[in-house]
Amino acid sequence: MVPCGAVLWRRLLRKRWVLGVVFGLSLVYFISSTFKQEERMVRDRTLLQVQEHEQPIMWKVKFSSGNSSQLSNQCRNSVQGKLLITDELGYICERKDLLVNGCCNVHVPSTKLYSCDSCLPNGCCSIYEFCVSCCLQPSKQHLLERFLNRAAIAFQNLFMAVEDHFELCLAKCRTSSQSVQHENTYRDPIAKYCYGEYPPELLPV
């Protein structure tokens, strides 16, 4: 024998107004859930944007003087120069005076440490390797830290990839949008490699 409650429920479900009420309630629930989810997404997005603007960028750059490369008697260097090479210790030398361990031969008279030859007072140099060597001076640490603290979001991805003073100088001295005007002309066609806080002065149009 079928319980009376089940029979009554079946009869109610056959009536159109009951189905209409059930459908209406389902529709209201669906719409309210959708709006709540959208509100959460907007709130989370707004919070993320606020955090991005308020929180300082956590740079990974290490300025410590002692590193594994020095301890293992191996050096990274600027690699690309045809005539000159700068190693991570700050020495600049002729390519022919580069040792097999990647370091400049410090016993050659032409090898220089932290050389700023070809560099202007604004931190821009006409030769890339001198820019890197000059940038590696320990006294330049505060200048570089000030630059990093003020670096535009556009440069964040570039400088977030570097891990120490040497890598920062390699990246900073490379020509970038900071070195050009009108996208195709160097601000200073002679001293175009810059480690300083500010780009070269714009040339008069």
N, C-alpha and C. Protein backbone atom coordinates (compact mmCIF):
# COMPACT_ATOMS: atom_id res chain seq x y z
N MET A 1 0.86 -1.19 0.00
CA MET A 1 0.00 0.00 0.00
C MET A 1 0.90 1.24 0.00
N VAL A 2 0.58 2.20 -0.90
CA VAL A 2 1.37 3.41 -1.06
C VAL A 2 1.02 4.39 0.04
N PRO A 3 2.00 4.95 0.73
CA PRO A 3 1.72 5.92 1.80
C PRO A 3 0.97 7.13 1.25
N CYS A 4 0.13 7.70 2.12
CA CYS A 4 -0.69 8.86 1.72
C CYS A 4 0.17 10.05 1.33
N GLY A 5 1.33 10.26 2.03
CA GLY A 5 2.20 11.39 1.73
C GLY A 5 2.73 11.33 0.31
N ALA A 6 3.11 10.13 -0.15
CA ALA A 6 3.65 9.97 -1.50
C ALA A 6 2.59 10.27 -2.54
N VAL A 7 1.38 9.83 -2.29
CA VAL A 7 0.29 10.07 -3.23
C VAL A 7 0.01 11.56 -3.33
N LEU A 8 -0.04 12.22 -2.18
CA LEU A 8 -0.30 13.66 -2.15
C LEU A 8 0.79 14.43 -2.89
N TRP A 9 2.05 14.02 -2.72
CA TRP A 9 3.18 14.70 -3.38
C TRP A 9 3.10 14.54 -4.89
N ARG A 10 2.71 13.34 -5.35
CA ARG A 10 2.57 13.12 -6.79
C ARG A 10 1.47 13.98 -7.38
N ARG A 11 0.39 14.11 -6.64
CA ARG A 11 -0.71 14.93 -7.14
C ARG A 11 -0.31 16.41 -7.23
N LEU A 12 0.46 16.87 -6.24
CA LEU A 12 0.91 18.27 -6.26
C LEU A 12 1.83 18.52 -7.46
N LEU A 13 2.73 17.57 -7.73
CA LEU A 13 3.67 17.74 -8.83
C LEU A 13 2.97 17.78 -10.18
N ARG A 14 1.77 17.19 -10.29
CA ARG A 14 1.04 17.21 -11.56
C ARG A 14 0.41 18.57 -11.84
N LYS A 15 0.33 19.39 -10.81
CA LYS A 15 -0.28 20.70 -11.00
C LYS A 15 0.75 21.69 -11.52
N ARG A 16 0.37 22.49 -12.52
CA ARG A 16 1.30 23.40 -13.19
C ARG A 16 1.81 24.49 -12.27
N TRP A 17 0.98 25.00 -11.39
CA TRP A 17 1.43 26.10 -10.54
C TRP A 17 2.54 25.66 -9.60
N VAL A 18 2.51 24.38 -9.16
CA VAL A 18 3.56 23.85 -8.30
C VAL A 18 4.88 23.78 -9.06
N LEU A 19 4.82 23.27 -10.30
CA LEU A 19 6.02 23.21 -11.13
C LEU A 19 6.56 24.60 -11.40
N GLY A 20 5.64 25.57 -11.57
CA GLY A 20 6.05 26.95 -11.81
C GLY A 20 6.80 27.53 -10.61
N VAL A 21 6.28 27.23 -9.41
CA VAL A 21 6.94 27.72 -8.19
C VAL A 21 8.33 27.10 -8.05
N VAL A 22 8.44 25.78 -8.29
CA VAL A 22 9.74 25.10 -8.18
C VAL A 22 10.73 25.69 -9.19
N PHE A 23 10.27 25.91 -10.42
CA PHE A 23 11.13 26.48 -11.45
C PHE A 23 11.56 27.91 -11.08
N GLY A 24 10.61 28.68 -10.57
CA GLY A 24 10.92 30.06 -10.19
C GLY A 24 11.96 30.14 -9.08
N LEU A 25 11.78 29.28 -8.07
CA LEU A 25 12.75 29.26 -6.97
C LEU A 25 14.14 28.85 -7.47
N SER A 26 14.18 27.88 -8.38
CA SER A 26 15.46 27.44 -8.94
C SER A 26 16.13 28.57 -9.72
N LEU A 27 15.32 29.32 -10.48
CA LEU A 27 15.85 30.43 -11.27
C LEU A 27 16.41 31.54 -10.36
N VAL A 28 15.67 31.85 -9.28
CA VAL A 28 16.14 32.86 -8.34
C VAL A 28 17.45 32.44 -7.69
N TYR A 29 17.55 31.18 -7.31
CA TYR A 29 18.77 30.67 -6.69
C TYR A 29 19.95 30.77 -7.65
N PHE A 30 19.70 30.40 -8.91
CA PHE A 30 20.77 30.44 -9.91
C PHE A 30 21.27 31.87 -10.14
N ILE A 31 20.34 32.83 -10.24
CA ILE A 31 20.71 34.23 -10.49
C ILE A 31 21.47 34.80 -9.30
N SER A 32 20.99 34.53 -8.08
CA SER A 32 21.66 35.06 -6.89
C SER A 32 23.06 34.47 -6.74
N SER A 33 23.24 33.20 -7.05
CA SER A 33 24.56 32.57 -6.96
C SER A 33 25.52 33.17 -7.98
N THR A 34 25.00 33.44 -9.17
CA THR A 34 25.84 34.04 -10.22
C THR A 34 26.31 35.42 -9.82
N PHE A 35 25.40 36.24 -9.27
CA PHE A 35 25.77 37.59 -8.83
C PHE A 35 26.79 37.56 -7.70
N LYS A 36 26.60 36.65 -6.76
CA LYS A 36 27.54 36.54 -5.64
C LYS A 36 28.93 36.16 -6.12
N GLN A 37 28.98 35.23 -7.07
CA GLN A 37 30.27 34.80 -7.61
C GLN A 37 30.96 35.96 -8.34
N GLU A 38 30.18 36.73 -9.09
CA GLU A 38 30.74 37.88 -9.81
C GLU A 38 31.26 38.93 -8.83
N GLU A 39 30.51 39.16 -7.74
CA GLU A 39 30.95 40.11 -6.73
C GLU A 39 32.26 39.67 -6.08
N ARG A 40 32.40 38.38 -5.81
CA ARG A 40 33.63 37.85 -5.22
C ARG A 40 34.81 38.06 -6.17
N MET A 41 34.58 37.80 -7.46
CA MET A 41 35.65 37.96 -8.45
C MET A 41 36.10 39.42 -8.53
N VAL A 42 35.13 40.35 -8.54
CA VAL A 42 35.47 41.77 -8.61
C VAL A 42 36.22 42.19 -7.36
N ARG A 43 35.76 41.72 -6.18
CA ARG A 43 36.41 42.08 -4.93
C ARG A 43 37.83 41.54 -4.87
N ASP A 44 38.03 40.29 -5.31
CA ASP A 44 39.36 39.70 -5.31
C ASP A 44 40.30 40.43 -6.27
N ARG A 45 39.76 40.79 -7.44
CA ARG A 45 40.57 41.50 -8.43
C ARG A 45 40.98 42.87 -7.91
N THR A 46 40.05 43.56 -7.26
CA THR A 46 40.34 44.88 -6.71
C THR A 46 41.38 44.79 -5.60
N LEU A 47 41.25 43.78 -4.74
CA LEU A 47 42.20 43.58 -3.65
C LEU A 47 43.59 43.29 -4.19
N LEU A 48 43.66 42.47 -5.26
CA LEU A 48 44.94 42.15 -5.86
C LEU A 48 45.61 43.38 -6.44
N GLN A 49 44.82 44.23 -7.11
CA GLN A 49 45.37 45.45 -7.69
C GLN A 49 45.89 46.38 -6.60
N VAL A 50 45.14 46.50 -5.51
CA VAL A 50 45.58 47.35 -4.40
C VAL A 50 46.88 46.83 -3.82
N GLN A 51 46.97 45.52 -3.64
CA GLN A 51 48.18 44.93 -3.08
C GLN A 51 49.37 45.14 -4.01
N GLU A 52 49.14 45.04 -5.33
CA GLU A 52 50.23 45.22 -6.29
C GLU A 52 50.79 46.64 -6.21
N HIS A 53 49.91 47.62 -5.99
CA HIS A 53 50.37 49.01 -5.95
C HIS A 53 50.96 49.38 -4.60
N GLU A 54 50.47 48.75 -3.54
CA GLU A 54 50.91 49.15 -2.21
C GLU A 54 52.16 48.40 -1.75
N GLN A 55 52.26 47.13 -2.13
CA GLN A 55 53.38 46.35 -1.64
C GLN A 55 54.63 46.60 -2.48
N PRO A 56 55.79 46.81 -1.86
CA PRO A 56 57.02 47.02 -2.62
C PRO A 56 57.43 45.73 -3.33
N ILE A 57 58.13 45.90 -4.45
CA ILE A 57 58.62 44.75 -5.19
C ILE A 57 59.74 44.10 -4.39
N MET A 58 59.66 42.78 -4.26
CA MET A 58 60.68 42.06 -3.50
C MET A 58 61.78 41.62 -4.47
N TRP A 59 62.82 42.43 -4.60
CA TRP A 59 63.91 42.12 -5.51
C TRP A 59 64.79 41.04 -4.91
N LYS A 60 65.33 40.18 -5.79
CA LYS A 60 66.16 39.07 -5.35
C LYS A 60 67.65 39.37 -5.47
N VAL A 61 68.01 40.57 -5.86
CA VAL A 61 69.41 40.89 -6.14
C VAL A 61 70.26 40.79 -4.88
N LYS A 62 71.38 40.11 -4.98
CA LYS A 62 72.32 39.97 -3.87
C LYS A 62 73.57 40.79 -4.18
N PHE A 63 73.97 41.60 -3.21
CA PHE A 63 75.14 42.44 -3.40
C PHE A 63 76.34 41.94 -2.60
N SER A 64 76.24 40.73 -2.06
CA SER A 64 77.34 40.22 -1.23
C SER A 64 78.60 40.07 -2.08
N SER A 65 79.73 40.40 -1.49
CA SER A 65 80.99 40.36 -2.24
C SER A 65 81.51 38.94 -2.43
N GLY A 66 81.26 38.07 -1.46
CA GLY A 66 81.73 36.70 -1.59
C GLY A 66 80.67 35.81 -2.20
N ASN A 67 81.02 35.07 -3.24
CA ASN A 67 80.05 34.15 -3.83
C ASN A 67 80.74 32.86 -4.26
N SER A 68 79.97 31.92 -4.69
CA SER A 68 80.51 30.60 -5.01
C SER A 68 81.49 30.64 -6.17
N SER A 69 81.26 31.58 -7.10
CA SER A 69 82.15 31.66 -8.25
C SER A 69 83.57 31.99 -7.81
N GLN A 70 83.72 32.93 -6.87
CA GLN A 70 85.04 33.30 -6.39
C GLN A 70 85.69 32.13 -5.64
N LEU A 71 84.89 31.44 -4.84
CA LEU A 71 85.43 30.35 -4.03
C LEU A 71 85.89 29.19 -4.90
N SER A 72 85.23 28.95 -6.02
CA SER A 72 85.60 27.83 -6.88
C SER A 72 86.59 28.25 -7.96
N ASN A 73 87.06 29.51 -7.90
CA ASN A 73 88.03 30.03 -8.85
C ASN A 73 87.48 30.02 -10.27
N GLN A 74 86.19 30.20 -10.41
CA GLN A 74 85.55 30.31 -11.71
C GLN A 74 84.84 31.65 -11.79
N CYS A 75 84.76 32.19 -12.98
CA CYS A 75 84.10 33.49 -13.16
C CYS A 75 83.08 33.42 -14.30
N ARG A 76 81.96 34.07 -14.07
CA ARG A 76 81.09 34.40 -15.19
C ARG A 76 81.64 35.66 -15.81
N ASN A 77 81.34 35.89 -17.07
CA ASN A 77 81.81 37.12 -17.71
C ASN A 77 80.79 37.60 -18.73
N SER A 78 81.08 38.76 -19.30
CA SER A 78 80.12 39.41 -20.20
C SER A 78 80.01 38.73 -21.56
N VAL A 79 80.86 37.80 -21.87
CA VAL A 79 80.78 36.88 -23.01
C VAL A 79 80.83 37.55 -24.38
N GLN A 80 79.96 38.52 -24.64
CA GLN A 80 79.68 38.93 -26.01
C GLN A 80 80.77 39.78 -26.66
N GLY A 81 81.63 40.44 -25.89
CA GLY A 81 82.58 41.38 -26.48
C GLY A 81 83.59 40.72 -27.40
N LYS A 82 83.83 41.32 -28.55
CA LYS A 82 84.82 40.79 -29.48
C LYS A 82 86.24 41.14 -29.05
N LEU A 83 86.39 42.32 -28.43
CA LEU A 83 87.72 42.78 -28.03
C LEU A 83 87.91 42.79 -26.52
N LEU A 84 86.84 43.16 -25.78
CA LEU A 84 86.93 43.30 -24.32
C LEU A 84 85.96 42.37 -23.61
N ILE A 85 86.34 41.99 -22.41
CA ILE A 85 85.50 41.12 -21.57
C ILE A 85 85.53 41.66 -20.15
N THR A 86 84.41 41.66 -19.47
CA THR A 86 84.35 42.00 -18.05
C THR A 86 83.91 40.77 -17.27
N ASP A 87 84.67 40.42 -16.23
CA ASP A 87 84.27 39.27 -15.42
C ASP A 87 83.45 39.74 -14.21
N GLU A 88 82.88 38.79 -13.49
CA GLU A 88 81.97 39.14 -12.40
C GLU A 88 82.66 39.77 -11.20
N LEU A 89 84.00 39.73 -11.16
CA LEU A 89 84.73 40.37 -10.08
C LEU A 89 84.94 41.85 -10.34
N GLY A 90 84.59 42.30 -11.56
CA GLY A 90 84.74 43.71 -11.91
C GLY A 90 85.95 44.01 -12.76
N TYR A 91 86.74 42.99 -13.09
CA TYR A 91 87.92 43.21 -13.94
C TYR A 91 87.50 43.28 -15.40
N ILE A 92 88.13 44.18 -16.14
CA ILE A 92 87.92 44.27 -17.58
C ILE A 92 89.26 44.02 -18.25
N CYS A 93 89.27 43.19 -19.30
CA CYS A 93 90.51 42.83 -19.97
C CYS A 93 90.24 42.58 -21.45
N GLU A 94 91.33 42.46 -22.21
CA GLU A 94 91.19 42.10 -23.60
C GLU A 94 90.81 40.62 -23.68
N ARG A 95 90.05 40.29 -24.70
CA ARG A 95 89.58 38.91 -24.82
C ARG A 95 90.75 37.91 -24.81
N LYS A 96 91.87 38.27 -25.40
CA LYS A 96 93.02 37.35 -25.45
C LYS A 96 93.62 37.10 -24.05
N ASP A 97 93.27 37.99 -23.09
CA ASP A 97 93.80 37.83 -21.73
C ASP A 97 92.80 37.15 -20.79
N LEU A 98 91.77 36.57 -21.36
CA LEU A 98 90.78 35.85 -20.55
C LEU A 98 91.29 34.45 -20.26
N LEU A 99 91.27 34.06 -18.98
CA LEU A 99 91.75 32.74 -18.59
C LEU A 99 90.70 31.67 -18.88
N VAL A 100 91.11 30.42 -18.83
CA VAL A 100 90.20 29.31 -19.15
C VAL A 100 89.08 29.20 -18.12
N ASN A 101 89.28 29.76 -16.91
CA ASN A 101 88.24 29.69 -15.88
C ASN A 101 87.22 30.82 -15.99
N GLY A 102 87.35 31.64 -17.07
CA GLY A 102 86.38 32.71 -17.30
C GLY A 102 86.76 34.02 -16.64
N CYS A 103 87.86 34.07 -15.89
CA CYS A 103 88.29 35.29 -15.22
C CYS A 103 89.34 36.02 -16.06
N CYS A 104 89.41 37.32 -15.89
CA CYS A 104 90.47 38.11 -16.52
C CYS A 104 91.80 37.81 -15.83
N ASN A 105 92.86 37.82 -16.61
CA ASN A 105 94.21 37.64 -16.05
C ASN A 105 94.62 38.96 -15.38
N VAL A 106 94.65 38.97 -14.06
CA VAL A 106 94.92 40.21 -13.33
C VAL A 106 96.40 40.60 -13.37
N HIS A 107 97.25 39.72 -13.88
CA HIS A 107 98.68 40.00 -13.93
C HIS A 107 99.09 40.71 -15.22
N VAL A 108 98.13 40.90 -16.12
CA VAL A 108 98.40 41.64 -17.35
C VAL A 108 98.20 43.12 -17.07
N PRO A 109 99.15 43.98 -17.45
CA PRO A 109 99.04 45.41 -17.13
C PRO A 109 97.78 46.09 -17.66
N SER A 110 97.26 45.61 -18.78
CA SER A 110 96.08 46.27 -19.36
C SER A 110 94.78 45.90 -18.66
N THR A 111 94.79 44.88 -17.80
CA THR A 111 93.59 44.50 -17.05
C THR A 111 93.30 45.54 -15.97
N LYS A 112 92.07 45.97 -15.89
CA LYS A 112 91.70 47.02 -14.92
C LYS A 112 90.52 46.55 -14.06
N LEU A 113 90.47 47.05 -12.85
CA LEU A 113 89.38 46.71 -11.93
C LEU A 113 88.44 47.89 -11.79
N TYR A 114 87.14 47.63 -11.91
CA TYR A 114 86.10 48.66 -11.76
C TYR A 114 86.42 49.89 -12.62
N SER A 115 86.74 49.65 -13.86
CA SER A 115 87.14 50.76 -14.74
C SER A 115 85.92 51.48 -15.29
N CYS A 116 85.94 52.80 -15.22
CA CYS A 116 84.85 53.63 -15.74
C CYS A 116 85.28 54.40 -16.99
N ASP A 117 86.34 53.91 -17.68
CA ASP A 117 86.76 54.54 -18.92
C ASP A 117 85.58 54.52 -19.90
N SER A 118 85.42 55.58 -20.62
CA SER A 118 84.34 55.76 -21.60
C SER A 118 83.00 56.06 -20.95
N CYS A 119 82.96 56.19 -19.61
CA CYS A 119 81.70 56.46 -18.91
C CYS A 119 81.59 57.93 -18.51
N LEU A 120 80.39 58.46 -18.60
CA LEU A 120 80.11 59.84 -18.22
C LEU A 120 79.64 59.89 -16.76
N PRO A 121 79.61 61.08 -16.16
CA PRO A 121 79.15 61.20 -14.76
C PRO A 121 77.71 60.72 -14.55
N ASN A 122 76.89 60.71 -15.61
CA ASN A 122 75.49 60.27 -15.45
C ASN A 122 75.36 58.75 -15.47
N GLY A 123 76.50 58.03 -15.59
CA GLY A 123 76.44 56.57 -15.57
C GLY A 123 76.22 55.94 -16.92
N CYS A 124 76.39 56.70 -17.99
CA CYS A 124 76.25 56.16 -19.34
C CYS A 124 77.63 56.06 -19.98
N CYS A 125 77.88 54.95 -20.67
CA CYS A 125 79.20 54.66 -21.23
C CYS A 125 79.07 54.35 -22.72
N SER A 126 80.18 54.54 -23.42
CA SER A 126 80.17 54.26 -24.86
C SER A 126 80.55 52.81 -25.16
N ILE A 127 81.09 52.10 -24.15
CA ILE A 127 81.48 50.70 -24.35
C ILE A 127 80.80 49.85 -23.27
N TYR A 128 80.14 48.80 -23.72
CA TYR A 128 79.34 47.97 -22.83
C TYR A 128 80.17 47.39 -21.68
N GLU A 129 81.34 46.84 -21.98
CA GLU A 129 82.15 46.18 -20.95
C GLU A 129 82.61 47.16 -19.86
N PHE A 130 82.90 48.40 -20.23
CA PHE A 130 83.27 49.40 -19.23
C PHE A 130 82.05 49.76 -18.37
N CYS A 131 80.88 49.76 -18.98
CA CYS A 131 79.65 50.03 -18.23
C CYS A 131 79.47 48.97 -17.14
N VAL A 132 79.66 47.70 -17.50
CA VAL A 132 79.49 46.61 -16.54
C VAL A 132 80.54 46.69 -15.44
N SER A 133 81.79 46.94 -15.82
CA SER A 133 82.88 47.02 -14.84
C SER A 133 82.65 48.17 -13.86
N CYS A 134 82.26 49.32 -14.39
CA CYS A 134 82.01 50.48 -13.53
C CYS A 134 80.81 50.23 -12.62
N CYS A 135 79.77 49.61 -13.16
CA CYS A 135 78.56 49.31 -12.40
C CYS A 135 78.85 48.37 -11.23
N LEU A 136 79.87 47.52 -11.37
CA LEU A 136 80.18 46.53 -10.33
C LEU A 136 80.92 47.13 -9.13
N GLN A 137 81.28 48.38 -9.18
CA GLN A 137 81.91 49.00 -8.02
C GLN A 137 81.00 48.86 -6.80
N PRO A 138 81.53 48.44 -5.66
CA PRO A 138 80.69 48.33 -4.45
C PRO A 138 79.97 49.63 -4.11
N SER A 139 80.58 50.76 -4.44
CA SER A 139 79.96 52.05 -4.13
C SER A 139 78.69 52.31 -4.94
N LYS A 140 78.48 51.52 -6.00
CA LYS A 140 77.30 51.73 -6.85
C LYS A 140 76.07 50.99 -6.30
N GLN A 141 76.24 50.23 -5.23
CA GLN A 141 75.13 49.43 -4.69
C GLN A 141 73.92 50.29 -4.33
N HIS A 142 74.14 51.39 -3.62
CA HIS A 142 73.02 52.23 -3.19
C HIS A 142 72.30 52.85 -4.38
N LEU A 143 73.07 53.23 -5.40
CA LEU A 143 72.48 53.79 -6.62
C LEU A 143 71.58 52.76 -7.28
N LEU A 144 72.06 51.53 -7.38
CA LEU A 144 71.28 50.47 -8.02
C LEU A 144 70.04 50.12 -7.20
N GLU A 145 70.18 50.12 -5.88
CA GLU A 145 69.02 49.84 -5.02
C GLU A 145 67.96 50.92 -5.17
N ARG A 146 68.38 52.17 -5.28
CA ARG A 146 67.42 53.26 -5.49
C ARG A 146 66.69 53.08 -6.81
N PHE A 147 67.43 52.68 -7.84
CA PHE A 147 66.80 52.44 -9.14
C PHE A 147 65.78 51.32 -9.05
N LEU A 148 66.14 50.23 -8.40
CA LEU A 148 65.23 49.09 -8.28
C LEU A 148 63.97 49.47 -7.52
N ASN A 149 64.12 50.27 -6.48
CA ASN A 149 62.96 50.68 -5.68
C ASN A 149 62.01 51.56 -6.46
N ARG A 150 62.54 52.26 -7.48
CA ARG A 150 61.69 53.15 -8.27
C ARG A 150 61.39 52.59 -9.65
N ALA A 151 61.86 51.38 -9.94
CA ALA A 151 61.72 50.84 -11.28
C ALA A 151 60.24 50.74 -11.66
N ALA A 152 59.96 51.11 -12.88
CA ALA A 152 58.58 51.04 -13.37
C ALA A 152 58.15 49.59 -13.49
N ILE A 153 56.82 49.36 -13.43
CA ILE A 153 56.28 48.01 -13.56
C ILE A 153 56.73 47.38 -14.88
N ALA A 154 56.93 48.22 -15.89
CA ALA A 154 57.33 47.72 -17.21
C ALA A 154 58.67 47.00 -17.15
N PHE A 155 59.55 47.40 -16.20
CA PHE A 155 60.86 46.78 -16.09
C PHE A 155 60.89 45.70 -15.02
N GLN A 156 59.77 45.47 -14.36
CA GLN A 156 59.75 44.53 -13.24
C GLN A 156 60.17 43.13 -13.69
N ASN A 157 59.60 42.64 -14.82
CA ASN A 157 59.91 41.29 -15.26
C ASN A 157 61.37 41.14 -15.64
N LEU A 158 61.93 42.20 -16.24
CA LEU A 158 63.34 42.14 -16.63
C LEU A 158 64.25 42.00 -15.43
N PHE A 159 64.07 42.85 -14.42
CA PHE A 159 64.99 42.86 -13.29
C PHE A 159 64.62 41.84 -12.22
N MET A 160 63.41 41.29 -12.24
CA MET A 160 63.07 40.22 -11.30
C MET A 160 63.85 38.95 -11.64
N ALA A 161 64.36 38.86 -12.88
CA ALA A 161 65.04 37.64 -13.30
C ALA A 161 66.49 37.60 -12.82
N VAL A 162 67.05 38.73 -12.42
CA VAL A 162 68.46 38.75 -12.00
C VAL A 162 68.57 38.38 -10.54
N GLU A 163 69.70 37.78 -10.17
CA GLU A 163 69.86 37.27 -8.81
C GLU A 163 71.02 37.92 -8.04
N ASP A 164 71.92 38.62 -8.72
CA ASP A 164 73.02 39.23 -8.00
C ASP A 164 73.50 40.48 -8.71
N HIS A 165 74.49 41.13 -8.10
CA HIS A 165 75.03 42.40 -8.59
C HIS A 165 75.52 42.27 -10.04
N PHE A 166 76.22 41.20 -10.35
CA PHE A 166 76.77 41.02 -11.69
C PHE A 166 75.65 40.91 -12.73
N GLU A 167 74.66 40.07 -12.47
CA GLU A 167 73.57 39.91 -13.42
C GLU A 167 72.78 41.21 -13.58
N LEU A 168 72.64 41.96 -12.49
CA LEU A 168 71.95 43.24 -12.57
C LEU A 168 72.70 44.21 -13.48
N CYS A 169 74.02 44.27 -13.35
CA CYS A 169 74.81 45.18 -14.18
C CYS A 169 74.77 44.75 -15.65
N LEU A 170 74.82 43.45 -15.90
CA LEU A 170 74.70 42.98 -17.28
C LEU A 170 73.39 43.45 -17.89
N ALA A 171 72.30 43.30 -17.14
CA ALA A 171 70.98 43.67 -17.65
C ALA A 171 70.83 45.18 -17.75
N LYS A 172 71.33 45.90 -16.75
CA LYS A 172 71.16 47.36 -16.71
C LYS A 172 71.93 48.04 -17.83
N CYS A 173 73.12 47.52 -18.16
CA CYS A 173 73.96 48.16 -19.17
C CYS A 173 73.51 47.87 -20.60
N ARG A 174 72.69 46.84 -20.78
CA ARG A 174 72.21 46.57 -22.13
C ARG A 174 71.30 47.70 -22.59
N THR A 175 71.34 47.99 -23.85
CA THR A 175 70.45 49.03 -24.38
C THR A 175 69.01 48.55 -24.27
N SER A 176 68.12 49.46 -23.96
CA SER A 176 66.71 49.15 -23.81
C SER A 176 65.91 50.36 -24.25
N SER A 177 64.62 50.34 -23.98
CA SER A 177 63.77 51.48 -24.33
C SER A 177 64.21 52.74 -23.59
N GLN A 178 64.95 52.58 -22.47
CA GLN A 178 65.45 53.75 -21.75
C GLN A 178 66.54 54.47 -22.54
N SER A 179 67.18 53.76 -23.46
CA SER A 179 68.31 54.33 -24.18
C SER A 179 67.92 55.00 -25.49
N VAL A 180 66.65 54.86 -25.89
CA VAL A 180 66.26 55.38 -27.19
C VAL A 180 65.13 56.39 -27.06
N GLN A 181 64.99 57.20 -28.11
CA GLN A 181 63.86 58.11 -28.21
C GLN A 181 63.22 57.87 -29.58
N HIS A 182 61.93 58.07 -29.66
CA HIS A 182 61.18 57.84 -30.90
C HIS A 182 61.33 56.41 -31.39
N GLU A 183 61.71 55.49 -30.50
CA GLU A 183 61.79 54.06 -30.75
C GLU A 183 62.88 53.65 -31.73
N ASN A 184 63.58 54.59 -32.36
CA ASN A 184 64.59 54.20 -33.34
C ASN A 184 65.85 55.05 -33.29
N THR A 185 65.96 55.96 -32.33
CA THR A 185 67.12 56.85 -32.24
C THR A 185 67.65 56.83 -30.81
N TYR A 186 68.96 56.64 -30.67
CA TYR A 186 69.56 56.66 -29.33
C TYR A 186 69.46 58.06 -28.73
N ARG A 187 69.14 58.11 -27.44
CA ARG A 187 69.13 59.40 -26.74
C ARG A 187 70.52 60.02 -26.81
N ASP A 188 71.53 59.19 -26.59
CA ASP A 188 72.91 59.62 -26.75
C ASP A 188 73.59 58.54 -27.61
N PRO A 189 73.84 58.82 -28.90
CA PRO A 189 74.38 57.78 -29.79
C PRO A 189 75.78 57.32 -29.43
N ILE A 190 76.48 58.08 -28.57
CA ILE A 190 77.83 57.69 -28.17
C ILE A 190 77.81 56.91 -26.86
N ALA A 191 77.24 57.51 -25.82
CA ALA A 191 77.16 56.84 -24.51
C ALA A 191 75.77 56.22 -24.36
N LYS A 192 75.60 55.04 -24.91
CA LYS A 192 74.27 54.42 -24.94
C LYS A 192 74.11 53.24 -23.98
N TYR A 193 75.17 52.91 -23.23
CA TYR A 193 75.10 51.82 -22.25
C TYR A 193 75.08 52.46 -20.86
N CYS A 194 73.99 52.30 -20.15
CA CYS A 194 73.80 53.06 -18.90
C CYS A 194 73.51 52.16 -17.70
N TYR A 195 74.20 52.41 -16.61
CA TYR A 195 73.89 51.73 -15.35
C TYR A 195 73.25 52.70 -14.35
N GLY A 196 73.20 53.98 -14.69
CA GLY A 196 72.71 55.00 -13.77
C GLY A 196 71.22 54.91 -13.49
N GLU A 197 70.78 55.75 -12.57
CA GLU A 197 69.37 55.75 -12.17
C GLU A 197 68.47 56.25 -13.28
N TYR A 198 68.97 57.18 -14.09
CA TYR A 198 68.13 57.85 -15.07
C TYR A 198 68.66 57.61 -16.48
N PRO A 199 67.78 57.60 -17.48
CA PRO A 199 68.23 57.46 -18.87
C PRO A 199 68.96 58.71 -19.32
N PRO A 200 69.70 58.64 -20.43
CA PRO A 200 70.38 59.83 -20.94
C PRO A 200 69.38 60.94 -21.27
N GLU A 201 69.87 62.17 -21.28
CA GLU A 201 69.01 63.30 -21.65
C GLU A 201 68.53 63.14 -23.09
N LEU A 202 67.28 63.55 -23.33
CA LEU A 202 66.74 63.49 -24.67
C LEU A 202 67.47 64.47 -25.57
N LEU A 203 67.79 64.02 -26.77
CA LEU A 203 68.42 64.91 -27.74
C LEU A 203 67.37 65.90 -28.26
N PRO A 204 67.76 67.12 -28.60
CA PRO A 204 66.80 68.06 -29.16
C PRO A 204 66.28 67.58 -30.49
N VAL A 205 64.97 67.78 -30.71
CA VAL A 205 64.35 67.31 -31.95
C VAL A 205 64.71 68.27 -33.08
